Amino acid sequence: MTPPASICLLRTSAIGDVTHVVPLVRTLQAAWAQTEPTWIVGKLERRLVGDLPGVNFVTFDKGAGFAGMREVGKALEGKRFDALLHMQVALRSNLLSLFVKADRRIGYDKARAKDGHGLVIGERIPARTGEHVLDAIGSFCEPLGLKQTQVRWDIPIPEEAHAWAAEQLPGDTPTLLVSPTSSHTLRNWQPERYAAVMDHASTRGWRVVLVGGPSPLERSMADAVLVACKRAPLDLTGKDTLKKMMAMLTRAPMLLTPDSGPMHMANTVGCKVLGLHAASNPNRSGPYSDRRWCVDKYDEASRKYLGKPASDIPWGSKIEKPGVMDLIGVDEVIERFEACAAHLGLA
């Protein structure tokens, strides 16, 4: 087919989901090198992906409310796209999409649409269940006559970020990064359990590093973990940026985290992920490339809290119930740590 002259991508958040869009961008660029995609992305998320070459970025400041939407409208004034790929179903994103003029408006199938999504699109991606989020996003190129057959990230990491990471993590001591906090608080593990795994890694000769953003929630969790640790880790909470975190992940063979943005950032650079899953399904939203090191209690959570196996609940259901993460035991995580370390030749 004739390459479109212009394509607009709408996926503003969150960090993990934004990383899932990057392979789609690479697919579009590989097929249509002369078509520069325009990507409407969140203010924070742009700090991670905003230097992707060959992409025109428009920033949406969700904190500014409707004024932020109007700013996007101003940035797009006078533009009309051949196609809008509307990859976010939240009400705010559906309203934001009205500021985008496009001949074709492609969105989610009926099962995955909500909050009026069907009212702002004209076409839908293929209806599928059992897909990872990245594959669902990748399927947005299919109505355009393409197929995502390769998954490639190559998110740029500046040299200064690599230099900073080398200062924090010098030498070749194997490093376990621990990012303990999801913004979805019911996905978070108990601080003393993180501490027990961290102490174990430390006794095995690993350098253990606590990481996280500057938010009060992340600082509070980090402080609680530090109090519970018998062996003090290096605490870099709030000291990095998204790019510096990416650089650290290139130097660390392993990350311990719940379902959160850093999980997917790690996946993009090949850092193995000890993912903690009970509230969410790792087969839908876990680390895309390698989920062998995740602890998966999703089915057990479904049986306990919903009274039925995970196979009987809608794909992608969240089981964010108080205490659900307590289904994950320390010994299970240590077993996955040891198995991953052996796989890496670092046991």
Protein backbone atom coordinates (compact mmCIF):
# COMPACT_ATOMS: atom_id res chain seq x y z
CA MET A 1 0.00 0.00 0.00
CA THR A 2 1.01 3.64 -0.40
CA PRO A 3 2.79 4.86 2.73
CA PRO A 4 0.73 7.36 4.73
CA ALA A 5 2.05 10.89 4.63
CA SER A 6 1.37 11.39 8.33
CA ILE A 7 0.56 9.29 11.39
CA CYS A 8 -0.32 10.42 14.91
CA LEU A 9 0.20 8.13 17.90
CA LEU A 10 -1.72 8.84 21.08
CA ARG A 11 -0.36 7.09 24.16
CA THR A 12 0.46 9.51 26.93
CA SER A 13 1.16 7.20 29.86
CA ALA A 14 2.32 5.32 31.85
CA ILE A 15 6.07 4.63 31.74
CA GLY A 16 5.70 0.89 31.14
CA ASP A 17 3.07 1.32 28.45
CA VAL A 18 5.14 3.99 26.72
CA THR A 19 8.03 1.52 26.42
CA HIS A 20 5.57 -0.85 24.71
CA VAL A 21 4.88 1.79 22.04
CA VAL A 22 8.53 2.07 21.02
CA PRO A 23 8.61 -1.24 19.05
CA LEU A 24 5.54 -0.04 17.14
CA VAL A 25 7.38 3.17 16.27
CA ARG A 26 10.32 1.09 15.05
CA THR A 27 7.96 -1.05 12.94
CA LEU A 28 6.44 2.03 11.31
CA GLN A 29 9.86 3.57 10.69
CA ALA A 30 11.22 0.38 9.13
CA ALA A 31 8.28 0.16 6.72
CA TRP A 32 7.88 3.86 5.93
CA ALA A 33 11.16 5.68 6.44
CA GLN A 34 9.81 8.90 4.93
CA THR A 35 6.82 9.11 7.28
CA GLU A 36 7.68 10.94 10.51
CA PRO A 37 5.26 9.85 13.25
CA THR A 38 3.86 12.43 15.64
CA TRP A 39 3.51 11.03 19.16
CA ILE A 40 1.36 12.71 21.82
CA VAL A 41 3.03 11.67 25.07
CA GLY A 42 2.91 12.61 28.73
CA LYS A 43 5.24 15.18 30.25
CA LEU A 44 7.07 12.66 32.47
CA GLU A 45 7.09 9.92 29.84
CA ARG A 46 8.69 12.24 27.29
CA ARG A 47 11.78 12.37 29.50
CA LEU A 48 12.26 8.68 28.73
CA VAL A 49 11.43 8.45 25.03
CA GLY A 50 11.46 12.05 23.80
CA ASP A 51 14.83 11.72 22.09
CA LEU A 52 13.82 8.84 19.82
CA PRO A 53 15.13 9.85 16.39
CA GLY A 54 12.68 10.51 13.58
CA VAL A 55 9.69 11.20 15.84
CA ASN A 56 7.86 14.50 16.33
CA PHE A 57 6.75 14.70 19.97
CA VAL A 58 3.85 16.71 21.34
CA THR A 59 3.77 16.89 25.14
CA PHE A 60 0.56 16.51 27.10
CA ASP A 61 0.66 17.83 30.67
CA LYS A 62 -2.13 15.87 32.32
CA GLY A 63 -1.67 17.90 35.50
CA ALA A 64 -2.91 20.95 33.61
CA GLY A 65 -6.28 19.36 32.96
CA PHE A 66 -8.31 20.72 30.06
CA ALA A 67 -5.76 23.52 29.57
CA GLY A 68 -3.21 20.82 28.81
CA MET A 69 -5.51 19.41 26.16
CA ARG A 70 -5.90 22.85 24.58
CA GLU A 71 -2.11 23.17 24.44
CA VAL A 72 -1.97 19.92 22.48
CA GLY A 73 -4.65 21.32 20.18
CA LYS A 74 -2.55 24.45 19.60
CA ALA A 75 0.52 22.36 18.80
CA LEU A 76 -1.50 20.42 16.21
CA GLU A 77 -3.30 23.45 14.78
CA GLY A 78 -3.61 23.27 11.01
CA LYS A 79 -2.51 19.62 10.89
CA ARG A 80 -4.53 16.72 9.60
CA PHE A 81 -3.16 13.18 9.76
CA ASP A 82 -3.79 10.26 7.47
CA ALA A 83 -4.26 8.09 10.54
CA LEU A 84 -4.58 8.42 14.32
CA LEU A 85 -3.53 5.37 16.34
CA HIS A 86 -5.48 5.92 19.57
CA MET A 87 -3.82 3.52 22.02
CA GLN A 88 -5.29 4.67 25.34
CA VAL A 89 -8.87 4.10 26.46
CA ALA A 90 -9.16 6.32 29.55
CA LEU A 91 -11.75 9.09 29.44
CA ARG A 92 -9.09 11.81 29.55
CA SER A 93 -7.32 10.33 26.53
CA ASN A 94 -10.59 9.93 24.65
CA LEU A 95 -11.30 13.62 25.20
CA LEU A 96 -7.73 14.51 24.21
CA SER A 97 -8.14 12.59 20.95
CA LEU A 98 -10.83 15.07 19.85
CA PHE A 99 -8.07 17.63 19.36
CA VAL A 100 -6.50 15.40 16.69
CA LYS A 101 -7.84 15.69 13.16
CA ALA A 102 -7.34 12.49 11.16
CA ASP A 103 -8.89 10.75 8.16
CA ARG A 104 -8.69 7.37 9.91
CA ARG A 105 -9.14 6.95 13.64
CA ILE A 106 -7.98 3.51 14.81
CA GLY A 107 -8.68 2.31 18.33
CA TYR A 108 -9.21 -0.78 20.46
CA ASP A 109 -11.67 -3.59 19.82
CA LYS A 110 -14.95 -3.50 21.74
CA ALA A 111 -13.78 -5.82 24.53
CA ARG A 112 -10.88 -3.52 25.43
CA ALA A 113 -12.63 -0.19 24.87
CA LYS A 114 -14.17 1.83 27.69
CA ASP A 115 -15.03 5.36 28.81
CA GLY A 116 -16.51 6.29 25.44
CA HIS A 117 -13.55 5.06 23.41
CA GLY A 118 -15.83 3.74 20.67
CA LEU A 119 -17.31 7.21 20.15
CA VAL A 120 -14.00 8.80 19.13
CA ILE A 121 -12.68 6.13 16.74
CA GLY A 122 -13.80 4.83 13.36
CA GLU A 123 -11.84 1.58 13.09
CA ARG A 124 -10.71 -1.08 15.54
CA ILE A 125 -7.68 -3.31 15.91
CA PRO A 126 -8.27 -7.09 15.69
CA ALA A 127 -10.19 -8.49 18.66
CA ARG A 128 -7.87 -10.86 20.54
CA THR A 129 -7.54 -12.18 24.04
CA GLY A 130 -4.50 -13.57 25.82
CA GLU A 131 -2.18 -10.92 24.40
CA HIS A 132 0.62 -9.14 26.19
CA VAL A 133 0.07 -5.38 26.27
CA LEU A 134 3.04 -4.88 23.95
CA ASP A 135 1.54 -7.18 21.33
CA ALA A 136 -1.83 -5.43 21.59
CA ILE A 137 -0.14 -2.08 20.98
CA GLY A 138 1.89 -3.61 18.16
CA SER A 139 -1.32 -4.70 16.43
CA PHE A 140 -2.25 -1.06 15.81
CA CYS A 141 -0.21 -1.21 12.63
CA GLU A 142 -2.34 -4.04 11.22
CA PRO A 143 -5.22 -1.86 9.93
CA LEU A 144 -2.48 0.03 8.05
CA GLY A 145 -1.41 -3.17 6.28
CA LEU A 146 1.66 -3.89 8.40
CA LYS A 147 2.57 -6.60 10.92
CA GLN A 148 4.90 -6.18 13.88
CA THR A 149 7.24 -9.13 13.50
CA GLN A 150 10.26 -7.73 15.34
CA VAL A 151 10.41 -6.13 18.78
CA ARG A 152 13.11 -3.49 19.03
CA TRP A 153 13.58 -0.68 21.54
CA ASP A 154 16.99 1.03 21.39
CA ILE A 155 15.80 3.86 23.63
CA PRO A 156 18.67 6.39 23.61
CA ILE A 157 20.73 6.71 26.79
CA PRO A 158 22.98 9.80 26.95
CA GLU A 159 26.68 9.40 27.69
CA GLU A 160 26.35 11.55 30.81
CA ALA A 161 23.78 9.08 32.17
CA HIS A 162 26.15 6.19 31.53
CA ALA A 163 28.96 8.13 33.25
CA TRP A 164 26.77 8.77 36.29
CA ALA A 165 25.76 5.11 36.49
CA ALA A 166 29.41 4.05 36.28
CA GLU A 167 30.21 6.32 39.24
CA GLN A 168 27.42 4.81 41.33
CA LEU A 169 28.06 1.20 40.31
CA PRO A 170 31.80 0.94 39.68
CA GLY A 171 33.58 -2.28 38.84
CA ASP A 172 32.07 -5.62 37.96
CA THR A 173 30.44 -6.63 41.25
CA PRO A 174 27.04 -8.12 40.33
CA THR A 175 24.30 -5.67 41.24
CA LEU A 176 20.73 -6.28 42.33
CA LEU A 177 18.64 -3.17 41.81
CA VAL A 178 15.50 -3.01 43.94
CA SER A 179 12.69 -0.70 42.84
CA PRO A 180 10.08 -1.49 45.51
CA THR A 181 7.26 0.91 44.73
CA SER A 182 4.43 0.86 42.22
CA SER A 183 2.12 3.85 42.05
CA HIS A 184 -0.65 1.24 42.38
CA THR A 185 -0.04 0.74 46.09
CA LEU A 186 -1.88 -2.57 46.32
CA ARG A 187 0.75 -4.07 44.00
CA ASN A 188 3.49 -3.31 46.54
CA TRP A 189 5.17 -5.98 48.67
CA GLN A 190 5.89 -5.67 52.39
CA PRO A 191 9.09 -3.67 53.19
CA GLU A 192 10.45 -6.37 55.50
CA ARG A 193 10.11 -8.95 52.73
CA TYR A 194 12.08 -6.81 50.32
CA ALA A 195 14.69 -6.40 53.05
CA ALA A 196 14.96 -10.16 53.60
CA VAL A 197 15.67 -10.77 49.91
CA MET A 198 18.11 -7.88 49.79
CA ASP A 199 19.98 -9.18 52.83
CA HIS A 200 20.20 -12.61 51.19
CA ALA A 201 21.64 -11.13 47.99
CA SER A 202 24.13 -9.14 50.03
CA THR A 203 25.34 -12.25 51.88
CA ARG A 204 25.86 -13.89 48.46
CA GLY A 205 28.29 -11.14 47.47
CA TRP A 206 25.94 -8.98 45.45
CA ARG A 207 25.89 -5.21 45.57
CA VAL A 208 22.33 -4.23 46.48
CA VAL A 209 20.96 -0.85 45.42
CA LEU A 210 17.63 0.68 46.39
CA VAL A 211 16.19 2.88 43.64
CA GLY A 212 13.04 4.89 43.03
CA GLY A 213 11.70 8.29 42.19
CA PRO A 214 11.43 11.40 44.36
CA SER A 215 7.75 11.07 45.30
CA PRO A 216 6.77 10.91 48.98
CA LEU A 217 5.35 7.41 48.43
CA GLU A 218 8.65 6.12 47.06
CA ARG A 219 10.68 7.82 49.78
CA SER A 220 8.42 6.39 52.47
CA MET A 221 8.71 2.87 51.07
CA ALA A 222 12.49 3.18 50.74
CA ASP A 223 12.80 4.33 54.35
CA ALA A 224 10.70 1.40 55.56
CA VAL A 225 12.87 -1.04 53.59
CA LEU A 226 16.07 0.51 54.93
CA VAL A 227 14.87 0.18 58.54
CA ALA A 228 14.17 -3.52 57.97
CA CYS A 229 17.52 -4.29 56.29
CA LYS A 230 20.24 -5.92 58.38
CA ARG A 231 22.82 -5.09 55.73
CA ALA A 232 22.56 -1.52 54.51
CA PRO A 233 22.14 -1.24 50.73
CA LEU A 234 23.22 1.72 48.64
CA ASP A 235 20.23 4.06 48.65
CA LEU A 236 19.81 6.06 45.43
CA THR A 237 16.09 6.72 45.85
CA GLY A 238 15.20 10.05 44.29
CA LYS A 239 18.73 10.65 43.00
CA ASP A 240 18.42 9.43 39.44
CA THR A 241 16.45 10.42 36.36
CA LEU A 242 14.69 8.11 33.94
CA LYS A 243 17.74 8.14 31.69
CA LYS A 244 20.11 7.51 34.62
CA MET A 245 17.90 4.62 35.69
CA MET A 246 18.15 3.19 32.18
CA ALA A 247 21.92 3.50 32.38
CA MET A 248 22.00 1.70 35.75
CA LEU A 249 19.87 -1.08 34.29
CA THR A 250 22.49 -1.64 31.58
CA ARG A 251 25.07 -2.23 34.35
CA ALA A 252 22.91 -4.40 36.61
CA PRO A 253 22.08 -8.00 35.72
CA MET A 254 18.91 -8.13 37.85
CA LEU A 255 16.02 -5.95 39.06
CA LEU A 256 13.56 -6.83 41.85
CA THR A 257 10.26 -4.97 41.48
CA PRO A 258 6.49 -5.25 41.48
CA ASP A 259 4.50 -4.57 38.30
CA SER A 260 5.72 -1.04 37.57
CA GLY A 261 7.46 1.15 35.00
CA PRO A 262 11.02 0.10 35.95
CA MET A 263 10.08 -3.52 35.18
CA HIS A 264 9.54 -2.60 31.54
CA MET A 265 12.48 -0.22 31.38
CA ALA A 266 14.68 -3.11 32.54
CA ASN A 267 13.21 -5.38 29.92
CA THR A 268 14.15 -2.97 27.13
CA VAL A 269 17.86 -3.28 27.94
CA GLY A 270 17.96 -7.00 28.79
CA CYS A 271 18.19 -6.69 32.56
CA LYS A 272 16.55 -9.75 34.12
CA VAL A 273 13.44 -8.99 36.16
CA LEU A 274 12.43 -10.64 39.42
CA GLY A 275 8.84 -9.52 39.00
CA LEU A 276 6.33 -9.81 41.83
CA HIS A 277 2.90 -10.67 40.46
CA ALA A 278 -0.26 -11.39 42.40
CA ALA A 279 -2.40 -8.33 41.68
CA SER A 280 -1.70 -8.46 37.95
CA ASN A 281 -1.17 -11.13 35.31
CA PRO A 282 2.51 -11.41 34.27
CA ASN A 283 1.49 -12.93 30.95
CA ARG A 284 -0.32 -9.70 30.12
CA SER A 285 1.78 -7.04 31.81
CA GLY A 286 5.00 -8.68 32.98
CA PRO A 287 8.45 -8.21 31.44
CA TYR A 288 7.83 -8.94 27.77
CA SER A 289 11.02 -10.73 26.77
CA ASP A 290 11.62 -13.05 29.71
CA ARG A 291 9.19 -13.87 32.50
CA ARG A 292 11.02 -16.91 33.84
CA TRP A 293 12.24 -15.09 36.94
CA CYS A 294 8.87 -13.68 38.00
CA VAL A 295 6.96 -15.04 40.97
CA ASP A 296 3.43 -15.60 39.68
CA LYS A 297 0.64 -15.79 42.27
CA TYR A 298 -2.05 -14.39 39.98
CA ASP A 299 -4.05 -17.61 39.71
CA GLU A 300 -3.87 -18.15 43.45
CA ALA A 301 -5.05 -14.59 43.99
CA SER A 302 -7.95 -15.12 41.61
CA ARG A 303 -9.06 -18.25 43.45
CA LYS A 304 -8.75 -16.60 46.86
CA TYR A 305 -10.30 -13.21 46.13
CA LEU A 306 -12.61 -13.92 43.19
CA GLY A 307 -13.50 -17.55 43.87
CA LYS A 308 -12.45 -18.83 40.47
CA PRO A 309 -9.25 -19.65 38.55
CA ALA A 310 -7.57 -16.94 36.50
CA SER A 311 -8.61 -18.77 33.34
CA ASP A 312 -12.25 -17.96 34.21
CA ILE A 313 -11.87 -14.20 34.69
CA PRO A 314 -11.58 -11.57 31.92
CA TRP A 315 -8.09 -11.26 30.47
CA GLY A 316 -6.21 -8.40 32.08
CA SER A 317 -8.32 -8.26 35.24
CA LYS A 318 -6.55 -6.58 38.14
CA ILE A 319 -6.84 -8.22 41.56
CA GLU A 320 -5.75 -5.19 43.56
CA LYS A 321 -7.09 -6.28 46.94
CA PRO A 322 -5.62 -5.50 50.37
CA GLY A 323 -3.14 -8.24 51.28
CA VAL A 324 -2.99 -9.81 47.84
CA MET A 325 0.79 -9.35 47.58
CA ASP A 326 1.24 -11.23 50.85
CA LEU A 327 0.63 -14.38 48.80
CA ILE A 328 4.23 -13.99 47.63
CA GLY A 329 6.68 -15.50 50.12
CA VAL A 330 10.29 -14.50 50.72
CA ASP A 331 11.57 -18.01 50.03
CA GLU A 332 9.91 -18.03 46.61
CA VAL A 333 11.61 -14.82 45.61
CA ILE A 334 14.98 -16.01 46.92
CA GLU A 335 14.56 -19.20 44.88
CA ARG A 336 13.98 -17.12 41.73
CA PHE A 337 16.98 -14.94 42.61
CA GLU A 338 19.22 -17.98 42.91
CA ALA A 339 17.86 -19.53 39.71
CA CYS A 340 18.41 -16.31 37.78
CA ALA A 341 21.89 -15.86 39.25
CA ALA A 342 22.78 -19.41 38.19
CA HIS A 343 21.40 -18.71 34.69
CA LEU A 344 23.63 -15.64 34.48
CA GLY A 345 26.65 -17.52 35.78
CA LEU A 346 26.71 -15.39 38.92
CA ALA A 347 25.66 -17.93 41.54
